[in-house]
N, C-alpha and C. Protein backbone atom coordinates (compact mmCIF):
# COMPACT_ATOMS: atom_id res chain seq x y z
N PRO A 1 84.14 75.08 58.14
CA PRO A 1 84.87 73.92 58.56
C PRO A 1 86.12 74.04 58.69
N LEU A 2 87.14 73.37 59.34
CA LEU A 2 88.49 73.41 59.39
C LEU A 2 89.12 72.17 59.08
N GLY A 3 90.36 72.25 58.24
CA GLY A 3 90.89 70.99 58.28
C GLY A 3 92.11 70.61 59.62
N LEU A 4 92.41 69.75 59.33
CA LEU A 4 93.57 69.30 60.44
C LEU A 4 94.65 70.46 60.50
N ILE A 5 95.18 70.75 61.79
CA ILE A 5 96.11 71.86 61.85
C ILE A 5 97.51 70.99 61.85
N HIS A 6 98.16 71.54 61.13
CA HIS A 6 99.57 70.78 60.70
C HIS A 6 100.74 71.77 61.50
N PRO A 7 101.50 71.32 62.37
CA PRO A 7 102.62 71.98 62.84
C PRO A 7 103.65 72.32 61.84
N VAL A 8 104.22 73.29 61.64
CA VAL A 8 105.42 73.82 60.74
C VAL A 8 106.37 72.61 60.90
N SER A 9 106.71 71.99 62.12
CA SER A 9 107.79 70.96 62.11
C SER A 9 107.43 70.07 61.53
N GLU A 10 106.17 69.63 60.95
CA GLU A 10 105.99 68.42 60.13
C GLU A 10 105.66 68.70 58.74
N VAL A 11 105.25 70.22 58.11
CA VAL A 11 104.95 70.35 57.04
C VAL A 11 105.79 71.31 56.39
N GLY A 12 106.78 72.09 57.08
CA GLY A 12 107.35 73.10 56.59
C GLY A 12 106.72 74.37 56.47
N HIS A 13 107.15 75.53 56.00
CA HIS A 13 106.53 76.64 55.67
C HIS A 13 105.86 76.76 54.28
N LEU A 14 104.68 76.74 54.22
CA LEU A 14 103.84 76.50 52.87
C LEU A 14 103.98 77.96 52.27
N ASP A 15 104.53 78.28 51.24
CA ASP A 15 104.83 79.66 50.48
C ASP A 15 104.33 79.42 49.08
N LYS A 16 104.17 78.20 48.60
CA LYS A 16 103.67 77.96 47.26
C LYS A 16 102.74 76.67 47.25
N GLY A 17 102.29 76.46 46.36
CA GLY A 17 101.25 75.19 46.25
C GLY A 17 99.67 75.62 45.81
N ALA A 18 99.32 74.74 45.27
CA ALA A 18 97.70 74.61 44.82
C ALA A 18 96.92 74.66 45.85
N ILE A 19 95.87 75.63 45.69
CA ILE A 19 94.55 75.63 46.59
C ILE A 19 93.33 75.39 45.70
N ARG A 20 92.61 74.50 46.24
CA ARG A 20 91.59 74.15 45.30
C ARG A 20 90.37 73.77 46.04
N LEU A 21 89.18 74.31 45.76
CA LEU A 21 87.79 73.71 46.46
C LEU A 21 86.95 73.57 45.24
N THR A 22 86.29 72.25 45.20
CA THR A 22 85.37 71.92 44.75
C THR A 22 83.87 71.53 45.48
N VAL A 23 82.99 71.60 44.72
CA VAL A 23 81.51 71.32 45.10
C VAL A 23 80.98 70.30 44.51
N ASN A 24 80.83 69.11 44.94
CA ASN A 24 80.27 68.13 44.22
C ASN A 24 81.12 67.64 43.13
N GLY A 25 82.25 67.75 43.25
CA GLY A 25 83.32 67.58 41.96
C GLY A 25 83.57 68.54 41.15
N GLU A 26 82.96 69.70 41.30
CA GLU A 26 83.06 70.83 40.06
C GLU A 26 83.92 71.79 40.95
N VAL A 27 85.13 72.17 40.27
CA VAL A 27 86.00 73.26 40.52
C VAL A 27 85.40 74.46 40.76
N LYS A 28 85.41 75.17 42.23
CA LYS A 28 85.04 76.41 42.26
C LYS A 28 85.88 77.44 42.70
N GLN A 29 87.17 77.10 43.06
CA GLN A 29 88.17 78.04 43.46
C GLN A 29 89.10 77.09 42.94
N ASP A 30 90.23 77.91 42.27
CA ASP A 30 91.53 77.22 41.84
C ASP A 30 92.58 78.13 42.03
N ALA A 31 93.60 78.29 43.02
CA ALA A 31 94.63 79.40 42.86
C ALA A 31 95.88 78.69 43.61
N ASP A 32 97.07 79.54 43.93
CA ASP A 32 98.25 79.22 44.37
C ASP A 32 98.65 80.06 45.49
N LEU A 33 99.21 79.47 46.49
CA LEU A 33 99.61 80.29 47.80
C LEU A 33 100.51 81.56 47.29
N THR A 34 101.09 81.44 46.25
CA THR A 34 102.02 82.42 45.70
C THR A 34 100.97 83.67 45.46
N GLU A 35 99.93 83.36 45.01
CA GLU A 35 98.97 84.66 44.67
C GLU A 35 98.46 85.34 45.96
N LEU A 36 98.90 84.88 47.13
CA LEU A 36 98.65 85.58 48.13
C LEU A 36 99.20 87.10 48.19
N ILE A 37 98.40 88.24 48.54
CA ILE A 37 98.87 89.68 48.53
C ILE A 37 100.37 89.53 49.37
N TRP A 38 100.05 88.87 50.81
CA TRP A 38 101.32 88.85 51.39
C TRP A 38 101.55 87.33 51.70
N PRO A 39 102.89 86.79 51.79
CA PRO A 39 103.22 85.56 52.03
C PRO A 39 102.76 85.31 53.39
N VAL A 40 102.60 84.13 53.60
CA VAL A 40 102.03 83.72 55.10
C VAL A 40 102.96 83.96 56.23
N ALA A 41 104.22 83.81 56.00
CA ALA A 41 105.34 84.01 56.94
C ALA A 41 104.99 85.70 57.46
N ASP A 42 105.04 86.30 56.32
CA ASP A 42 105.08 88.09 56.59
C ASP A 42 103.78 88.22 57.46
N VAL A 43 102.60 87.57 57.05
CA VAL A 43 101.17 87.53 57.82
C VAL A 43 101.35 87.55 59.24
N ILE A 44 102.08 86.29 59.59
CA ILE A 44 102.26 85.91 60.92
C ILE A 44 103.36 86.92 61.64
N ALA A 45 104.11 87.56 60.76
CA ALA A 45 105.27 88.20 61.65
C ALA A 45 104.74 89.51 61.90
N PHE A 46 103.92 90.11 60.90
CA PHE A 46 103.25 91.36 61.34
C PHE A 46 102.15 91.23 62.28
N LEU A 47 101.38 90.20 62.24
CA LEU A 47 100.47 90.13 63.43
C LEU A 47 100.89 90.01 64.73
N SER A 48 102.18 89.29 64.69
CA SER A 48 102.74 88.85 66.06
C SER A 48 103.37 90.13 66.62
N THR A 49 103.58 91.09 66.13
CA THR A 49 103.80 92.59 66.77
C THR A 49 102.79 93.04 67.14
N LEU A 50 101.45 92.72 66.86
CA LEU A 50 100.31 93.46 67.65
C LEU A 50 99.74 92.32 68.46
N TYR A 51 99.88 91.24 68.46
CA TYR A 51 99.19 90.21 69.33
C TYR A 51 99.94 88.97 69.62
N ARG A 52 99.85 88.25 70.68
CA ARG A 52 100.72 87.04 70.96
C ARG A 52 100.15 85.84 70.21
N ILE A 53 100.66 85.64 69.14
CA ILE A 53 100.47 84.35 68.62
C ILE A 53 100.74 83.13 69.29
N GLU A 54 99.83 82.08 69.64
CA GLU A 54 100.32 80.88 70.26
C GLU A 54 99.78 79.84 69.31
N PRO A 55 100.36 78.40 69.58
CA PRO A 55 100.04 77.62 68.99
C PRO A 55 98.37 77.12 68.99
N GLY A 56 97.95 76.82 67.72
CA GLY A 56 96.52 76.56 67.61
C GLY A 56 95.71 77.62 67.25
N ASP A 57 96.24 78.91 67.15
CA ASP A 57 95.47 80.29 66.98
C ASP A 57 95.45 80.25 65.33
N LEU A 58 94.25 80.75 64.97
CA LEU A 58 93.78 80.45 63.42
C LEU A 58 94.01 82.01 62.95
N ILE A 59 94.43 82.00 61.77
CA ILE A 59 94.68 83.45 61.06
C ILE A 59 93.70 83.30 59.72
N TYR A 60 92.70 83.92 59.47
CA TYR A 60 92.16 83.89 58.32
C TYR A 60 92.45 85.07 57.27
N THR A 61 92.90 84.74 55.95
CA THR A 61 93.46 85.56 55.36
C THR A 61 92.45 85.93 53.97
N GLY A 62 91.44 85.39 53.93
CA GLY A 62 90.48 85.24 52.66
C GLY A 62 90.35 84.29 51.84
N THR A 63 90.18 84.56 50.58
CA THR A 63 89.70 83.35 49.77
C THR A 63 90.08 83.67 48.23
N PRO A 64 90.34 82.82 47.39
CA PRO A 64 90.38 83.13 46.07
C PRO A 64 89.00 83.31 45.46
N ALA A 65 89.05 83.71 44.01
CA ALA A 65 87.70 84.06 43.57
C ALA A 65 86.94 83.01 43.48
N GLY A 66 85.77 82.89 43.15
CA GLY A 66 84.91 81.84 43.08
C GLY A 66 84.05 81.34 44.16
N VAL A 67 83.85 82.24 45.13
CA VAL A 67 82.94 81.89 46.22
C VAL A 67 81.36 81.80 45.77
N GLY A 68 80.68 81.02 46.12
CA GLY A 68 79.50 80.65 45.94
C GLY A 68 78.84 80.30 47.17
N ALA A 69 77.35 80.25 46.87
CA ALA A 69 76.39 79.26 47.85
C ALA A 69 76.57 77.96 47.87
N VAL A 70 76.24 77.30 48.87
CA VAL A 70 76.17 75.58 48.80
C VAL A 70 74.82 75.44 49.32
N VAL A 71 74.27 74.50 49.22
CA VAL A 71 73.07 73.91 49.66
C VAL A 71 73.23 72.60 50.54
N GLU A 72 72.04 72.30 51.42
CA GLU A 72 72.08 70.81 52.05
C GLU A 72 72.76 69.87 50.98
N GLY A 73 73.38 69.01 51.17
CA GLY A 73 73.59 67.66 50.54
C GLY A 73 74.91 67.94 49.80
N ASP A 74 75.45 69.14 49.33
CA ASP A 74 76.64 69.64 48.88
C ASP A 74 77.58 69.02 49.34
N VAL A 75 78.74 68.44 48.49
CA VAL A 75 80.02 68.02 49.10
C VAL A 75 81.08 68.96 48.97
N VAL A 76 81.70 69.34 49.60
CA VAL A 76 82.88 70.57 49.53
C VAL A 76 83.93 69.96 49.93
N THR A 77 84.98 69.79 49.18
CA THR A 77 86.32 69.54 49.03
C THR A 77 87.39 70.61 49.14
N VAL A 78 88.21 70.61 49.86
CA VAL A 78 89.27 71.64 49.92
C VAL A 78 90.70 71.01 49.76
N THR A 79 91.62 71.45 49.03
CA THR A 79 92.81 70.87 49.02
C THR A 79 93.94 71.86 49.02
N ILE A 80 94.82 71.74 49.53
CA ILE A 80 96.18 72.65 49.76
C ILE A 80 97.29 71.81 49.34
N GLU A 81 98.10 72.09 48.47
CA GLU A 81 99.14 70.91 47.95
C GLU A 81 99.99 70.83 49.13
N GLY A 82 100.42 69.37 49.44
CA GLY A 82 101.18 68.96 50.40
C GLY A 82 100.37 68.84 52.15
N LEU A 83 99.11 69.07 51.84
CA LEU A 83 98.42 68.75 52.96
C LEU A 83 97.21 67.70 52.50
N GLU A 84 96.81 66.96 53.60
CA GLU A 84 95.52 66.16 53.33
C GLU A 84 94.11 66.95 53.14
N PRO A 85 93.41 66.58 52.06
CA PRO A 85 92.08 67.35 51.76
C PRO A 85 91.13 67.23 53.09
N THR A 86 90.57 68.30 52.93
CA THR A 86 89.34 68.25 53.83
C THR A 86 87.96 68.28 53.21
N GLU A 87 86.97 67.44 53.68
CA GLU A 87 85.74 67.13 52.84
C GLU A 87 84.59 67.29 53.77
N VAL A 88 83.99 68.00 53.42
CA VAL A 88 82.44 68.07 54.43
C VAL A 88 81.18 68.00 53.71
N THR A 89 80.13 67.45 53.97
CA THR A 89 78.58 67.36 53.62
C THR A 89 77.88 68.50 54.26
N ILE A 90 77.27 69.35 53.45
CA ILE A 90 76.55 70.59 53.92
C ILE A 90 75.31 69.56 54.59
N GLY A 91 75.03 70.01 56.06
CA GLY A 91 74.12 69.27 56.53
C GLY A 91 72.76 70.07 56.72
N PRO A 92 71.42 69.85 57.13
CA PRO A 92 70.47 70.77 57.36
C PRO A 92 70.64 71.95 58.04
N LYS A 93 69.90 72.99 58.02
CA LYS A 93 70.15 74.25 58.50
C LYS A 93 69.64 73.84 59.97
N ALA A 94 70.48 74.25 61.03
CA ALA A 94 69.83 74.41 62.25
C ALA A 94 68.80 75.12 62.77
N ALA A 95 68.04 74.65 63.49
CA ALA A 95 66.62 75.13 64.05
C ALA A 95 66.87 76.51 64.72
N ASP A 96 66.20 77.55 64.53
CA ASP A 96 66.44 78.72 65.32
C ASP A 96 65.76 78.58 66.66
C-alpha cells in the first residue's frame, strides 16, 4: 500500500523525521530519514541522470530493520513525521 503523494511545494524536502511502522499498535520499525544511506534529494538527483523522473513516479529506497510477516486482520500503520499516517487492514488472500 502507498500513502498519499505529497508535492514538495506542499511539504518541503523531507531530509529528517521519524519513520515508524506499527502492526496492531506494536512498533515493528522505528527510524529516522537521517539514517538513510543517501539523502532523498541525492537519490532523486542521481536517478534523474539515468531516467526521466516525472510527477507521480515512485522511488523505493528500502526499509528500516524490523520487517516481518503480517496476517489477515492485522492493522498496519505507517507514519512519517510531517505527513498524514497511512493505515491498512490486511485482507484475505486473493484466490489463485
